[in-house]
Amino acid sequence: MWCVMNMAKYRNSSNKIYSKYEDLLVQTICTFEMIKDVYYPNLTDAAQKIVNFYSDAENVIPFARQLEKDLQNRDSF
């Protein structure tokens, strides 16, 4: 998720930019919810698993936060 990479990059340097990427993450979740509502029966099993995960904010937000932490730790070296 490139938006999470940028969230990690801008967390401490620019609240305005960070907020934009955070909003993008929320929009991404909403997009996956729409895909699930409209196209789900037409998706392959693999695609359905992806849509199930990314359409559920309770899964995605902790995942994104952990990924952001991991990216911050990686970039701090």
Protein backbone atom coordinates (compact mmCIF):
# COMPACT_ATOMS: atom_id res chain seq x y z
CA MET A 1 0.00 0.00 0.00
CA TRP A 2 1.79 3.07 -1.22
CA CYS A 3 -0.52 5.33 0.79
CA VAL A 4 0.70 3.64 3.99
CA MET A 5 4.30 4.10 2.84
CA ASN A 6 3.62 7.82 2.53
CA MET A 7 1.80 7.88 5.86
CA ALA A 8 4.98 6.51 7.45
CA LYS A 9 7.06 9.05 5.57
CA TYR A 10 5.01 12.10 6.56
CA ARG A 11 3.79 11.12 10.06
CA ASN A 12 6.15 13.44 11.92
CA SER A 13 6.90 16.01 9.23
CA SER A 14 3.56 17.19 7.87
CA ASN A 15 0.18 16.65 9.49
CA LYS A 16 -1.59 18.04 6.43
CA ILE A 17 0.05 15.59 4.02
CA TYR A 18 -0.28 12.73 6.51
CA SER A 19 -3.99 13.48 6.86
CA LYS A 20 -4.45 13.32 3.08
CA TYR A 21 -2.91 9.84 2.93
CA GLU A 22 -4.99 8.75 5.91
CA ASP A 23 -8.10 9.95 4.04
CA LEU A 24 -6.94 7.99 1.01
CA LEU A 25 -6.74 4.84 3.14
CA VAL A 26 -10.35 5.37 4.28
CA GLN A 27 -11.44 5.94 0.67
CA THR A 28 -9.68 2.73 -0.33
CA ILE A 29 -11.62 0.79 2.31
CA CYS A 30 -14.87 2.35 1.04
CA THR A 31 -13.95 1.39 -2.53
CA PHE A 32 -13.43 -2.23 -1.49
CA GLU A 33 -16.79 -2.13 0.32
CA MET A 34 -18.44 -0.96 -2.91
CA ILE A 35 -16.68 -3.68 -4.92
CA LYS A 36 -17.93 -6.23 -2.40
CA ASP A 37 -21.50 -4.93 -2.63
CA VAL A 38 -21.62 -4.76 -6.43
CA TYR A 39 -19.17 -7.21 -7.99
CA TYR A 40 -18.51 -9.84 -5.33
CA PRO A 41 -20.34 -12.76 -7.02
CA ASN A 42 -18.34 -12.21 -10.21
CA LEU A 43 -14.94 -12.33 -8.52
CA THR A 44 -12.61 -15.30 -8.31
CA ASP A 45 -12.08 -16.92 -4.92
CA ALA A 46 -8.69 -15.23 -4.58
CA ALA A 47 -10.16 -11.83 -5.41
CA GLN A 48 -13.00 -12.40 -2.94
CA LYS A 49 -10.46 -13.05 -0.17
CA ILE A 50 -8.69 -9.79 -0.97
CA VAL A 51 -11.95 -7.86 -1.10
CA ASN A 52 -13.11 -9.44 2.17
CA PHE A 53 -9.93 -8.32 3.91
CA TYR A 54 -9.66 -4.79 2.52
CA SER A 55 -13.36 -4.01 2.86
CA ASP A 56 -13.24 -4.62 6.61
CA ALA A 57 -11.85 -1.58 8.44
CA GLU A 58 -11.33 -3.70 11.59
CA ASN A 59 -8.77 -5.73 9.62
CA VAL A 60 -7.26 -3.04 7.44
CA ILE A 61 -6.63 -0.25 9.92
CA PRO A 62 -4.54 -2.34 12.38
CA PHE A 63 -2.75 -3.90 9.38
CA ALA A 64 -2.01 -0.43 7.95
CA ARG A 65 -0.83 0.88 11.33
CA GLN A 66 1.54 -2.09 11.76
CA LEU A 67 2.82 -1.69 8.22
CA GLU A 68 3.38 2.01 8.85
CA LYS A 69 5.38 1.18 12.03
CA ASP A 70 7.42 -1.41 10.15
CA LEU A 71 8.19 1.10 7.41
CA GLN A 72 9.20 3.75 9.93
CA ASN A 73 11.52 1.31 11.69
CA ARG A 74 13.04 0.20 8.40
CA ASP A 75 13.66 3.79 7.29
CA SER A 76 15.19 4.84 10.62
CA PHE A 77 18.40 2.89 9.94
